Amino acid sequence: MDAQLDDKALESTLAESLDVLTPDTKTVSEDEFAEVVGGALEAVGGTLLFKMRVENGAEGEHVAAACIGNADNRQFLLLTLPTSGGALKVETAARSTNPVAGIAAAYASLMDAFKTAA
């Protein structure tokens, strides 16, 4: 994947690859979410940073942070899916309004520091 893709093109590319991977079940389990995210990231050469389930009012959602590229060319992504099912939303962390988006770059930096120290 071209490291120079802009945010909108990256989101669009991932969204297209997700059409066949989105589960049809009413309630989405952690395992199903991990499978969908894993397939999407594999399609674009991305790396999963972390995933979690968060409660957003009365409805919960699965959230995953990922990155594409290396070092200074890294782009951070946020993938969200309501636990009640539906379409997987993919957006760059820079464009996301989700509070979890701010954690992605910090988490990646922490992992880089751990690798250097090891």
PDB file of N, CA and C in Angstrom:
ATOM      1  N   MET A   1       0.856  -1.179   0.000  1.00  0.00           N
ATOM      2  CA  MET A   1       0.000   0.000   0.000  1.00  0.00           C
ATOM      3  C   MET A   1       0.892   1.229   0.000  1.00  0.00           C
ATOM      4  N   ASP A   2       0.555   2.214  -0.800  1.00  0.00           N
ATOM      5  CA  ASP A   2       1.312   3.451  -0.901  1.00  0.00           C
ATOM      6  C   ASP A   2       1.223   4.207   0.417  1.00  0.00           C
ATOM      7  N   ALA A   3       2.384   4.484   1.015  1.00  0.00           N
ATOM      8  CA  ALA A   3       2.415   5.163   2.312  1.00  0.00           C
ATOM      9  C   ALA A   3       1.913   6.595   2.225  1.00  0.00           C
ATOM     10  N   GLN A   4       1.792   7.131   1.027  1.00  0.00           N
ATOM     11  CA  GLN A   4       1.377   8.516   0.849  1.00  0.00           C
ATOM     12  C   GLN A   4      -0.129   8.682   0.650  1.00  0.00           C
ATOM     13  N   LEU A   5      -0.909   7.604   0.819  1.00  0.00           N
ATOM     14  CA  LEU A   5      -2.360   7.726   0.682  1.00  0.00           C
ATOM     15  C   LEU A   5      -2.894   8.732   1.683  1.00  0.00           C
ATOM     16  N   ASP A   6      -3.806   9.571   1.253  1.00  0.00           N
ATOM     17  CA  ASP A   6      -4.398  10.504   2.196  1.00  0.00           C
ATOM     18  C   ASP A   6      -5.424   9.777   3.060  1.00  0.00           C
ATOM     19  N   ASP A   7      -5.860  10.417   4.113  1.00  0.00           N
ATOM     20  CA  ASP A   7      -6.765   9.802   5.081  1.00  0.00           C
ATOM     21  C   ASP A   7      -8.035   9.277   4.422  1.00  0.00           C
ATOM     22  N   LYS A   8      -8.637  10.064   3.555  1.00  0.00           N
ATOM     23  CA  LYS A   8      -9.904   9.688   2.927  1.00  0.00           C
ATOM     24  C   LYS A   8      -9.728   8.451   2.045  1.00  0.00           C
ATOM     25  N   ALA A   9      -8.644   8.390   1.274  1.00  0.00           N
ATOM     26  CA  ALA A   9      -8.403   7.240   0.407  1.00  0.00           C
ATOM     27  C   ALA A   9      -8.150   5.982   1.231  1.00  0.00           C
ATOM     28  N   LEU A  10      -7.437   6.121   2.334  1.00  0.00           N
ATOM     29  CA  LEU A  10      -7.158   4.987   3.202  1.00  0.00           C
ATOM     30  C   LEU A  10      -8.451   4.449   3.810  1.00  0.00           C
ATOM     31  N   GLU A  11      -9.292   5.332   4.313  1.00  0.00           N
ATOM     32  CA  GLU A  11     -10.570   4.921   4.887  1.00  0.00           C
ATOM     33  C   GLU A  11     -11.434   4.227   3.840  1.00  0.00           C
ATOM     34  N   SER A  12     -11.461   4.761   2.639  1.00  0.00           N
ATOM     35  CA  SER A  12     -12.267   4.194   1.562  1.00  0.00           C
ATOM     36  C   SER A  12     -11.775   2.801   1.179  1.00  0.00           C
ATOM     37  N   THR A  13     -10.467   2.636   1.065  1.00  0.00           N
ATOM     38  CA  THR A  13      -9.887   1.343   0.711  1.00  0.00           C
ATOM     39  C   THR A  13     -10.241   0.286   1.742  1.00  0.00           C
ATOM     40  N   LEU A  14     -10.118   0.632   3.014  1.00  0.00           N
ATOM     41  CA  LEU A  14     -10.462  -0.321   4.066  1.00  0.00           C
ATOM     42  C   LEU A  14     -11.957  -0.625   4.073  1.00  0.00           C
ATOM     43  N   ALA A  15     -12.784   0.373   3.896  1.00  0.00           N
ATOM     44  CA  ALA A  15     -14.235   0.167   3.907  1.00  0.00           C
ATOM     45  C   ALA A  15     -14.655  -0.806   2.809  1.00  0.00           C
ATOM     46  N   GLU A  16     -14.051  -0.686   1.629  1.00  0.00           N
ATOM     47  CA  GLU A  16     -14.374  -1.587   0.525  1.00  0.00           C
ATOM     48  C   GLU A  16     -13.998  -3.017   0.849  1.00  0.00           C
ATOM     49  N   SER A  17     -12.860  -3.223   1.509  1.00  0.00           N
ATOM     50  CA  SER A  17     -12.425  -4.580   1.828  1.00  0.00           C
ATOM     51  C   SER A  17     -13.261  -5.197   2.937  1.00  0.00           C
ATOM     52  N   LEU A  18     -14.015  -4.392   3.669  1.00  0.00           N
ATOM     53  CA  LEU A  18     -14.801  -4.878   4.808  1.00  0.00           C
ATOM     54  C   LEU A  18     -16.184  -5.380   4.429  1.00  0.00           C
ATOM     55  N   ASP A  19     -16.668  -5.044   3.256  1.00  0.00           N
ATOM     56  CA  ASP A  19     -18.032  -5.398   2.882  1.00  0.00           C
ATOM     57  C   ASP A  19     -18.320  -6.882   3.067  1.00  0.00           C
ATOM     58  N   VAL A  20     -17.388  -7.744   2.696  1.00  0.00           N
ATOM     59  CA  VAL A  20     -17.621  -9.189   2.805  1.00  0.00           C
ATOM     60  C   VAL A  20     -17.256  -9.736   4.172  1.00  0.00           C
ATOM     61  N   LEU A  21     -16.597  -8.958   5.010  1.00  0.00           N
ATOM     62  CA  LEU A  21     -16.129  -9.452   6.301  1.00  0.00           C
ATOM     63  C   LEU A  21     -17.041  -9.107   7.466  1.00  0.00           C
ATOM     64  N   THR A  22     -17.989  -8.203   7.285  1.00  0.00           N
ATOM     65  CA  THR A  22     -18.851  -7.782   8.389  1.00  0.00           C
ATOM     66  C   THR A  22     -19.793  -8.915   8.773  1.00  0.00           C
ATOM     67  N   PRO A  23     -19.802  -9.310  10.050  1.00  0.00           N
ATOM     68  CA  PRO A  23     -20.659 -10.415  10.470  1.00  0.00           C
ATOM     69  C   PRO A  23     -22.142 -10.069  10.342  1.00  0.00           C
ATOM     70  N   ASP A  24     -22.961 -11.105  10.054  1.00  0.00           N
ATOM     71  CA  ASP A  24     -24.398 -10.922   9.886  1.00  0.00           C
ATOM     72  C   ASP A  24     -25.171 -11.107  11.186  1.00  0.00           C
ATOM     73  N   THR A  25     -24.517 -11.568  12.234  1.00  0.00           N
ATOM     74  CA  THR A  25     -25.210 -11.853  13.480  1.00  0.00           C
ATOM     75  C   THR A  25     -25.722 -10.584  14.129  1.00  0.00           C
ATOM     76  N   LYS A  26     -26.726 -10.741  14.995  1.00  0.00           N
ATOM     77  CA  LYS A  26     -27.303  -9.599  15.680  1.00  0.00           C
ATOM     78  C   LYS A  26     -26.347  -9.042  16.728  1.00  0.00           C
ATOM     79  N   THR A  27     -25.781  -9.911  17.557  1.00  0.00           N
ATOM     80  CA  THR A  27     -24.825  -9.472  18.563  1.00  0.00           C
ATOM     81  C   THR A  27     -23.433  -9.915  18.128  1.00  0.00           C
ATOM     82  N   VAL A  28     -22.495  -8.987  18.115  1.00  0.00           N
ATOM     83  CA  VAL A  28     -21.146  -9.264  17.649  1.00  0.00           C
ATOM     84  C   VAL A  28     -20.249  -9.577  18.850  1.00  0.00           C
ATOM     85  N   SER A  29     -19.642 -10.749  18.830  1.00  0.00           N
ATOM     86  CA  SER A  29     -18.759 -11.149  19.922  1.00  0.00           C
ATOM     87  C   SER A  29     -17.367 -10.552  19.722  1.00  0.00           C
ATOM     88  N   GLU A  30     -16.554 -10.633  20.763  1.00  0.00           N
ATOM     89  CA  GLU A  30     -15.163 -10.155  20.675  1.00  0.00           C
ATOM     90  C   GLU A  30     -14.407 -10.927  19.598  1.00  0.00           C
ATOM     91  N   ASP A  31     -14.640 -12.249  19.528  1.00  0.00           N
ATOM     92  CA  ASP A  31     -13.957 -13.080  18.533  1.00  0.00           C
ATOM     93  C   ASP A  31     -14.352 -12.693  17.111  1.00  0.00           C
ATOM     94  N   GLU A  32     -15.643 -12.433  16.885  1.00  0.00           N
ATOM     95  CA  GLU A  32     -16.091 -12.012  15.560  1.00  0.00           C
ATOM     96  C   GLU A  32     -15.492 -10.664  15.181  1.00  0.00           C
ATOM     97  N   PHE A  33     -15.452  -9.762  16.135  1.00  0.00           N
ATOM     98  CA  PHE A  33     -14.853  -8.453  15.879  1.00  0.00           C
ATOM     99  C   PHE A  33     -13.377  -8.603  15.528  1.00  0.00           C
ATOM    100  N   ALA A  34     -12.663  -9.428  16.288  1.00  0.00           N
ATOM    101  CA  ALA A  34     -11.238  -9.655  16.022  1.00  0.00           C
ATOM    102  C   ALA A  34     -11.034 -10.245  14.626  1.00  0.00           C
ATOM    103  N   GLU A  35     -11.928 -11.134  14.211  1.00  0.00           N
ATOM    104  CA  GLU A  35     -11.830 -11.742  12.883  1.00  0.00           C
ATOM    105  C   GLU A  35     -12.039 -10.712  11.781  1.00  0.00           C
ATOM    106  N   VAL A  36     -13.036  -9.861  11.941  1.00  0.00           N
ATOM    107  CA  VAL A  36     -13.325  -8.825  10.949  1.00  0.00           C
ATOM    108  C   VAL A  36     -12.152  -7.842  10.853  1.00  0.00           C
ATOM    109  N   VAL A  37     -11.678  -7.396  12.002  1.00  0.00           N
ATOM    110  CA  VAL A  37     -10.560  -6.438  12.026  1.00  0.00           C
ATOM    111  C   VAL A  37      -9.299  -7.082  11.450  1.00  0.00           C
ATOM    112  N   GLY A  38      -9.037  -8.319  11.843  1.00  0.00           N
ATOM    113  CA  GLY A  38      -7.854  -9.023  11.326  1.00  0.00           C
ATOM    114  C   GLY A  38      -7.875  -9.152   9.817  1.00  0.00           C
ATOM    115  N   GLY A  39      -9.037  -9.497   9.262  1.00  0.00           N
ATOM    116  CA  GLY A  39      -9.161  -9.612   7.808  1.00  0.00           C
ATOM    117  C   GLY A  39      -8.961  -8.287   7.107  1.00  0.00           C
ATOM    118  N   ALA A  40      -9.518  -7.233   7.675  1.00  0.00           N
ATOM    119  CA  ALA A  40      -9.376  -5.907   7.077  1.00  0.00           C
ATOM    120  C   ALA A  40      -7.925  -5.448   7.100  1.00  0.00           C
ATOM    121  N   LEU A  41      -7.266  -5.644   8.233  1.00  0.00           N
ATOM    122  CA  LEU A  41      -5.874  -5.193   8.336  1.00  0.00           C
ATOM    123  C   LEU A  41      -4.940  -6.030   7.466  1.00  0.00           C
ATOM    124  N   GLU A  42      -5.239  -7.307   7.343  1.00  0.00           N
ATOM    125  CA  GLU A  42      -4.434  -8.162   6.474  1.00  0.00           C
ATOM    126  C   GLU A  42      -4.526  -7.692   5.024  1.00  0.00           C
ATOM    127  N   ALA A  43      -5.714  -7.248   4.626  1.00  0.00           N
ATOM    128  CA  ALA A  43      -5.932  -6.791   3.252  1.00  0.00           C
ATOM    129  C   ALA A  43      -5.108  -5.558   2.903  1.00  0.00           C
ATOM    130  N   VAL A  44      -4.772  -4.737   3.901  1.00  0.00           N
ATOM    131  CA  VAL A  44      -4.029  -3.503   3.624  1.00  0.00           C
ATOM    132  C   VAL A  44      -2.637  -3.491   4.276  1.00  0.00           C
ATOM    133  N   GLY A  45      -2.226  -4.601   4.853  1.00  0.00           N
ATOM    134  CA  GLY A  45      -0.903  -4.665   5.475  1.00  0.00           C
ATOM    135  C   GLY A  45      -0.803  -3.896   6.778  1.00  0.00           C
ATOM    136  N   GLY A  46      -1.907  -3.818   7.510  1.00  0.00           N
ATOM    137  CA  GLY A  46      -1.920  -3.080   8.774  1.00  0.00           C
ATOM    138  C   GLY A  46      -1.587  -3.960   9.967  1.00  0.00           C
ATOM    139  N   THR A  47      -1.328  -3.318  11.095  1.00  0.00           N
ATOM    140  CA  THR A  47      -0.994  -3.997  12.338  1.00  0.00           C
ATOM    141  C   THR A  47      -1.958  -3.563  13.429  1.00  0.00           C
ATOM    142  N   LEU A  48      -2.545  -4.532  14.116  1.00  0.00           N
ATOM    143  CA  LEU A  48      -3.433  -4.248  15.232  1.00  0.00           C
ATOM    144  C   LEU A  48      -2.607  -3.766  16.416  1.00  0.00           C
ATOM    145  N   LEU A  49      -2.984  -2.645  16.997  1.00  0.00           N
ATOM    146  CA  LEU A  49      -2.314  -2.144  18.193  1.00  0.00           C
ATOM    147  C   LEU A  49      -3.020  -2.651  19.443  1.00  0.00           C
ATOM    148  N   PHE A  50      -4.329  -2.459  19.498  1.00  0.00           N
ATOM    149  CA  PHE A  50      -5.126  -2.966  20.615  1.00  0.00           C
ATOM    150  C   PHE A  50      -6.594  -2.960  20.222  1.00  0.00           C
ATOM    151  N   LYS A  51      -7.388  -3.710  20.986  1.00  0.00           N
ATOM    152  CA  LYS A  51      -8.830  -3.693  20.802  1.00  0.00           C
ATOM    153  C   LYS A  51      -9.473  -3.730  22.170  1.00  0.00           C
ATOM    154  N   MET A  52     -10.678  -3.180  22.254  1.00  0.00           N
ATOM    155  CA  MET A  52     -11.401  -3.152  23.522  1.00  0.00           C
ATOM    156  C   MET A  52     -12.889  -3.018  23.248  1.00  0.00           C
ATOM    157  N   ARG A  53     -13.650  -3.266  24.271  1.00  0.00           N
ATOM    158  CA  ARG A  53     -15.090  -3.026  24.204  1.00  0.00           C
ATOM    159  C   ARG A  53     -15.376  -1.859  25.134  1.00  0.00           C
ATOM    160  N   VAL A  54     -16.119  -0.885  24.643  1.00  0.00           N
ATOM    161  CA  VAL A  54     -16.458   0.275  25.463  1.00  0.00           C
ATOM    162  C   VAL A  54     -17.968   0.461  25.474  1.00  0.00           C
ATOM    163  N   GLU A  55     -18.451   0.977  26.571  1.00  0.00           N
ATOM    164  CA  GLU A  55     -19.874   1.279  26.682  1.00  0.00           C
ATOM    165  C   GLU A  55     -20.066   2.738  26.276  1.00  0.00           C
ATOM    166  N   ASN A  56     -20.999   2.956  25.399  1.00  0.00           N
ATOM    167  CA  ASN A  56     -21.290   4.295  24.908  1.00  0.00           C
ATOM    168  C   ASN A  56     -22.766   4.556  25.176  1.00  0.00           C
ATOM    169  N   GLY A  57     -23.063   5.003  26.377  1.00  0.00           N
ATOM    170  CA  GLY A  57     -24.456   5.177  26.767  1.00  0.00           C
ATOM    171  C   GLY A  57     -25.104   3.821  26.959  1.00  0.00           C
ATOM    172  N   ALA A  58     -26.250   3.622  26.349  1.00  0.00           N
ATOM    173  CA  ALA A  58     -26.960   2.349  26.467  1.00  0.00           C
ATOM    174  C   ALA A  58     -26.398   1.283  25.538  1.00  0.00           C
ATOM    175  N   GLU A  59     -25.622   1.695  24.546  1.00  0.00           N
ATOM    176  CA  GLU A  59     -25.091   0.750  23.564  1.00  0.00           C
ATOM    177  C   GLU A  59     -23.577   0.644  23.674  1.00  0.00           C
ATOM    178  N   GLY A  60     -23.085  -0.566  23.578  1.00  0.00           N
ATOM    179  CA  GLY A  60     -21.636  -0.781  23.586  1.00  0.00           C
ATOM    180  C   GLY A  60     -21.101  -0.863  22.175  1.00  0.00           C
ATOM    181  N   GLU A  61     -19.784  -0.744  22.078  1.00  0.00           N
ATOM    182  CA  GLU A  61     -19.143  -0.908  20.781  1.00  0.00           C
ATOM    183  C   GLU A  61     -17.770  -1.529  20.967  1.00  0.00           C
ATOM    184  N   HIS A  62     -17.367  -2.253  19.942  1.00  0.00           N
ATOM    185  CA  HIS A  62     -16.016  -2.786  19.880  1.00  0.00           C
ATOM    186  C   HIS A  62     -15.161  -1.725  19.195  1.00  0.00           C
ATOM    187  N   VAL A  63     -13.973  -1.497  19.715  1.00  0.00           N
ATOM    188  CA  VAL A  63     -13.066  -0.500  19.154  1.00  0.00           C
ATOM    189  C   VAL A  63     -11.687  -1.133  19.001  1.00  0.00           C
ATOM    190  N   ALA A  64     -11.059  -0.910  17.863  1.00  0.00           N
ATOM    191  CA  ALA A  64      -9.697  -1.375  17.639  1.00  0.00           C
ATOM    192  C   ALA A  64      -8.879  -0.224  17.080  1.00  0.00           C
ATOM    193  N   ALA A  65      -7.636  -0.160  17.511  1.00  0.00           N
ATOM    194  CA  ALA A  65      -6.687   0.802  16.948  1.00  0.00           C
ATOM    195  C   ALA A  65      -5.649   0.009  16.174  1.00  0.00           C
ATOM    196  N   ALA A  66      -5.244   0.550  15.056  1.00  0.00           N
ATOM    197  CA  ALA A  66      -4.282  -0.134  14.201  1.00  0.00           C
ATOM    198  C   ALA A  66      -3.380   0.896  13.544  1.00  0.00           C
ATOM    199  N   CYS A  67      -2.323   0.410  12.925  1.00  0.00           N
ATOM    200  CA  CYS A  67      -1.457   1.319  12.176  1.00  0.00           C
ATOM    201  C   CYS A  67      -1.060   0.671  10.857  1.00  0.00           C
ATOM    202  N   ILE A  68      -0.751   1.533   9.917  1.00  0.00           N
ATOM    203  CA  ILE A  68      -0.255   1.126   8.609  1.00  0.00           C
ATOM    204  C   ILE A  68       1.006   1.929   8.363  1.00  0.00           C
ATOM    205  N   GLY A  69       2.042   1.260   7.884  1.00  0.00           N
ATOM    206  CA  GLY A  69       3.308   1.927   7.621  1.00  0.00           C
ATOM    207  C   GLY A  69       4.258   1.786   8.797  1.00  0.00           C
ATOM    208  N   ASN A  70       5.423   2.402   8.664  1.00  0.00           N
ATOM    209  CA  ASN A  70       6.462   2.317   9.677  1.00  0.00           C
ATOM    210  C   ASN A  70       7.017   3.687  10.028  1.00  0.00           C
ATOM    211  N   ALA A  71       7.508   3.790  11.242  1.00  0.00           N
ATOM    212  CA  ALA A  71       8.207   4.982  11.744  1.00  0.00           C
ATOM    213  C   ALA A  71       7.444   6.268  11.429  1.00  0.00           C
ATOM    214  N   ASP A  72       8.071   7.188  10.725  1.00  0.00           N
ATOM    215  CA  ASP A  72       7.463   8.489  10.448  1.00  0.00           C
ATOM    216  C   ASP A  72       6.318   8.423   9.439  1.00  0.00           C
ATOM    217  N   ASN A  73       6.236   7.336   8.681  1.00  0.00           N
ATOM    218  CA  ASN A  73       5.179   7.181   7.681  1.00  0.00           C
ATOM    219  C   ASN A  73       3.967   6.434   8.217  1.00  0.00           C
ATOM    220  N   ARG A  74       3.905   6.227   9.514  1.00  0.00           N
ATOM    221  CA  ARG A  74       2.805   5.482  10.125  1.00  0.00           C
ATOM    222  C   ARG A  74       1.520   6.296  10.127  1.00  0.00           C
ATOM    223  N   GLN A  75       0.423   5.633   9.781  1.00  0.00           N
ATOM    224  CA  GLN A  75      -0.901   6.224   9.888  1.00  0.00           C
ATOM    225  C   GLN A  75      -1.685   5.370  10.875  1.00  0.00           C
ATOM    226  N   PHE A  76      -2.411   6.016  11.766  1.00  0.00           N
ATOM    227  CA  PHE A  76      -3.182   5.314  12.778  1.00  0.00           C
ATOM    228  C   PHE A  76      -4.646   5.277  12.383  1.00  0.00           C
ATOM    229  N   LEU A  77      -5.259   4.124  12.602  1.00  0.00           N
ATOM    230  CA  LEU A  77      -6.651   3.900  12.236  1.00  0.00           C
ATOM    231  C   LEU A  77      -7.473   3.545  13.460  1.00  0.00           C
ATOM    232  N   LEU A  78      -8.739   3.849  13.400  1.00  0.00           N
ATOM    233  CA  LEU A  78      -9.685   3.439  14.427  1.00  0.00           C
ATOM    234  C   LEU A  78     -10.805   2.694  13.719  1.00  0.00           C
ATOM    235  N   LEU A  79     -11.079   1.478  14.190  1.00  0.00           N
ATOM    236  CA  LEU A  79     -12.135   0.649  13.625  1.00  0.00           C
ATOM    237  C   LEU A  79     -13.164   0.406  14.723  1.00  0.00           C
ATOM    238  N   THR A  80     -14.422   0.730  14.464  1.00  0.00           N
ATOM    239  CA  THR A  80     -15.461   0.570  15.480  1.00  0.00           C
ATOM    240  C   THR A  80     -16.632  -0.212  14.906  1.00  0.00           C
ATOM    241  N   LEU A  81     -17.260  -1.003  15.779  1.00  0.00           N
ATOM    242  CA  LEU A  81     -18.417  -1.798  15.398  1.00  0.00           C
ATOM    243  C   LEU A  81     -19.344  -1.898  16.594  1.00  0.00           C
ATOM    244  N   PRO A  82     -20.613  -1.495  16.447  1.00  0.00           N
ATOM    245  CA  PRO A  82     -21.549  -1.632  17.566  1.00  0.00           C
ATOM    246  C   PRO A  82     -21.676  -3.102  17.978  1.00  0.00           C
ATOM    247  N   THR A  83     -21.797  -3.349  19.261  1.00  0.00           N
ATOM    248  CA  THR A  83     -21.940  -4.734  19.720  1.00  0.00           C
ATOM    249  C   THR A  83     -23.254  -5.331  19.242  1.00  0.00           C
ATOM    250  N   SER A  84     -24.210  -4.488  18.864  1.00  0.00           N
ATOM    251  CA  SER A  84     -25.490  -4.972  18.354  1.00  0.00           C
ATOM    252  C   SER A  84     -25.426  -5.308  16.866  1.00  0.00           C
ATOM    253  N   GLY A  85     -24.260  -5.138  16.253  1.00  0.00           N
ATOM    254  CA  GLY A  85     -24.089  -5.442  14.839  1.00  0.00           C
ATOM    255  C   GLY A  85     -24.191  -4.202  13.983  1.00  0.00           C
ATOM    256  N   GLY A  86     -23.976  -4.393  12.717  1.00  0.00           N
ATOM    257  CA  GLY A  86     -24.017  -3.271  11.782  1.00  0.00           C
ATOM    258  C   GLY A  86     -22.736  -3.196  10.988  1.00  0.00           C
ATOM    259  N   ALA A  87     -22.492  -2.047  10.422  1.00  0.00           N
ATOM    260  CA  ALA A  87     -21.320  -1.855   9.575  1.00  0.00           C
ATOM    261  C   ALA A  87     -20.114  -1.449  10.411  1.00  0.00           C
ATOM    262  N   LEU A  88     -18.976  -1.955  10.024  1.00  0.00           N
ATOM    263  CA  LEU A  88     -17.721  -1.571  10.659  1.00  0.00           C
ATOM    264  C   LEU A  88     -17.334  -0.190  10.149  1.00  0.00           C
ATOM    265  N   LYS A  89     -17.062   0.706  11.057  1.00  0.00           N
ATOM    266  CA  LYS A  89     -16.654   2.067  10.693  1.00  0.00           C
ATOM    267  C   LYS A  89     -15.132   2.133  10.771  1.00  0.00           C
ATOM    268  N   VAL A  90     -14.523   2.629   9.707  1.00  0.00           N
ATOM    269  CA  VAL A  90     -13.070   2.771   9.646  1.00  0.00           C
ATOM    270  C   VAL A  90     -12.741   4.227   9.400  1.00  0.00           C
ATOM    271  N   GLU A  91     -11.886   4.772  10.235  1.00  0.00           N
ATOM    272  CA  GLU A  91     -11.462   6.160  10.057  1.00  0.00           C
ATOM    273  C   GLU A  91     -10.032   6.317  10.551  1.00  0.00           C
ATOM    274  N   THR A  92      -9.351   7.298  10.032  1.00  0.00           N
ATOM    275  CA  THR A  92      -8.021   7.571  10.544  1.00  0.00           C
ATOM    276  C   THR A  92      -8.175   8.209  11.921  1.00  0.00           C
ATOM    277  N   ALA A  93      -7.208   7.950  12.778  1.00  0.00           N
ATOM    278  CA  ALA A  93      -7.263   8.506  14.133  1.00  0.00           C
ATOM    279  C   ALA A  93      -7.268  10.033  14.080  1.00  0.00           C
ATOM    280  N   ALA A  94      -6.589  10.603  13.102  1.00  0.00           N
ATOM    281  CA  ALA A  94      -6.525  12.059  12.980  1.00  0.00           C
ATOM    282  C   ALA A  94      -7.899  12.672  12.702  1.00  0.00           C
ATOM    283  N   ARG A  95      -8.770  11.957  12.016  1.00  0.00           N
ATOM    284  CA  ARG A  95     -10.091  12.482  11.669  1.00  0.00           C
ATOM    285  C   ARG A  95     -11.172  12.034  12.643  1.00  0.00           C
ATOM    286  N   SER A  96     -10.869  11.106  13.509  1.00  0.00           N
ATOM    287  CA  SER A  96     -11.871  10.536  14.402  1.00  0.00           C
ATOM    288  C   SER A  96     -12.191  11.464  15.575  1.00  0.00           C
ATOM    289  N   THR A  97     -13.447  11.432  15.996  1.00  0.00           N
ATOM    290  CA  THR A  97     -13.859  12.161  17.194  1.00  0.00           C
ATOM    291  C   THR A  97     -13.977  11.219  18.394  1.00  0.00           C
ATOM    292  N   ASN A  98     -13.733   9.938  18.174  1.00  0.00           N
ATOM    293  CA  ASN A  98     -13.802   8.950  19.248  1.00  0.00           C
ATOM    294  C   ASN A  98     -12.641   9.184  20.218  1.00  0.00           C
ATOM    295  N   PRO A  99     -12.900   9.233  21.525  1.00  0.00           N
ATOM    296  CA  PRO A  99     -11.831   9.477  22.504  1.00  0.00           C
ATOM    297  C   PRO A  99     -10.709   8.442  22.464  1.00  0.00           C
ATOM    298  N   VAL A 100     -11.005   7.235  22.024  1.00  0.00           N
ATOM    299  CA  VAL A 100      -9.988   6.179  21.951  1.00  0.00           C
ATOM    300  C   VAL A 100      -8.929   6.501  20.891  1.00  0.00           C
ATOM    301  N   ALA A 101      -9.276   7.311  19.905  1.00  0.00           N
ATOM    302  CA  ALA A 101      -8.341   7.639  18.823  1.00  0.00           C
ATOM    303  C   ALA A 101      -7.048   8.262  19.342  1.00  0.00           C
ATOM    304  N   GLY A 102      -7.148   9.065  20.380  1.00  0.00           N
ATOM    305  CA  GLY A 102      -5.964   9.711  20.935  1.00  0.00           C
ATOM    306  C   GLY A 102      -4.986   8.747  21.593  1.00  0.00           C
ATOM    307  N   ILE A 103      -5.469   7.581  21.932  1.00  0.00           N
ATOM    308  CA  ILE A 103      -4.614   6.593  22.594  1.00  0.00           C
ATOM    309  C   ILE A 103      -3.722   5.859  21.593  1.00  0.00           C
ATOM    310  N   ALA A 104      -4.146   5.753  20.339  1.00  0.00           N
ATOM    311  CA  ALA A 104      -3.449   4.933  19.344  1.00  0.00           C
ATOM    312  C   ALA A 104      -1.977   5.316  19.186  1.00  0.00           C
ATOM    313  N   ALA A 105      -1.677   6.581  18.944  1.00  0.00           N
ATOM    314  CA  ALA A 105      -0.291   7.002  18.742  1.00  0.00           C
ATOM    315  C   ALA A 105       0.532   6.835  20.013  1.00  0.00           C
ATOM    316  N   ALA A 106      -0.067   7.149  21.150  1.00  0.00           N
ATOM    317  CA  ALA A 106       0.648   6.985  22.426  1.00  0.00           C
ATOM    318  C   ALA A 106       0.972   5.525  22.679  1.00  0.00           C
ATOM    319  N   TYR A 107       0.027   4.633  22.385  1.00  0.00           N
ATOM    320  CA  TYR A 107       0.241   3.205  22.579  1.00  0.00           C
ATOM    321  C   TYR A 107       1.361   2.709  21.657  1.00  0.00           C
ATOM    322  N   ALA A 108       1.339   3.137  20.404  1.00  0.00           N
ATOM    323  CA  ALA A 108       2.376   2.719  19.454  1.00  0.00           C
ATOM    324  C   ALA A 108       3.753   3.207  19.915  1.00  0.00           C
ATOM    325  N   SER A 109       3.834   4.410  20.425  1.00  0.00           N
ATOM    326  CA  SER A 109       5.101   4.942  20.928  1.00  0.00           C
ATOM    327  C   SER A 109       5.591   4.132  22.136  1.00  0.00           C
ATOM    328  N   LEU A 110       4.670   3.754  22.990  1.00  0.00           N
ATOM    329  CA  LEU A 110       5.022   2.934  24.150  1.00  0.00           C
ATOM    330  C   LEU A 110       5.574   1.578  23.697  1.00  0.00           C
ATOM    331  N   MET A 111       4.928   0.965  22.727  1.00  0.00           N
ATOM    332  CA  MET A 111       5.403  -0.330  22.212  1.00  0.00           C
ATOM    333  C   MET A 111       6.782  -0.173  21.556  1.00  0.00           C
ATOM    334  N   ASP A 112       7.018   0.922  20.854  1.00  0.00           N
ATOM    335  CA  ASP A 112       8.333   1.182  20.272  1.00  0.00           C
ATOM    336  C   ASP A 112       9.394   1.263  21.360  1.00  0.00           C
ATOM    337  N   ALA A 113       9.060   1.938  22.457  1.00  0.00           N
ATOM    338  CA  ALA A 113      10.002   2.065  23.567  1.00  0.00           C
ATOM    339  C   ALA A 113      10.300   0.716  24.206  1.00  0.00           C
ATOM    340  N   PHE A 114       9.283  -0.127  24.346  1.00  0.00           N
ATOM    341  CA  PHE A 114       9.492  -1.464  24.902  1.00  0.00           C
ATOM    342  C   PHE A 114      10.408  -2.303  23.989  1.00  0.00           C
ATOM    343  N   LYS A 115      10.208  -2.199  22.677  1.00  0.00           N
ATOM    344  CA  LYS A 115      11.050  -2.943  21.729  1.00  0.00           C
ATOM    345  C   LYS A 115      12.493  -2.489  21.835  1.00  0.00           C
ATOM    346  N   THR A 116      12.705  -1.192  21.960  1.00  0.00           N
ATOM    347  CA  THR A 116      14.061  -0.640  22.062  1.00  0.00           C
ATOM    348  C   THR A 116      14.729  -1.100  23.350  1.00  0.00           C
ATOM    349  N   ALA A 117      13.969  -1.145  24.425  1.00  0.00           N
ATOM    350  CA  ALA A 117      14.520  -1.528  25.730  1.00  0.00           C
ATOM    351  C   ALA A 117      14.818  -3.026  25.825  1.00  0.00           C
ATOM    352  N   ALA A 118      14.123  -3.827  25.015  1.00  0.00           N
ATOM    353  CA  ALA A 118      14.275  -5.289  25.110  1.00  0.00           C
ATOM    354  C   ALA A 118      15.560  -5.797  24.514  1.00  0.00           C
TER     355      ALA A 118
END
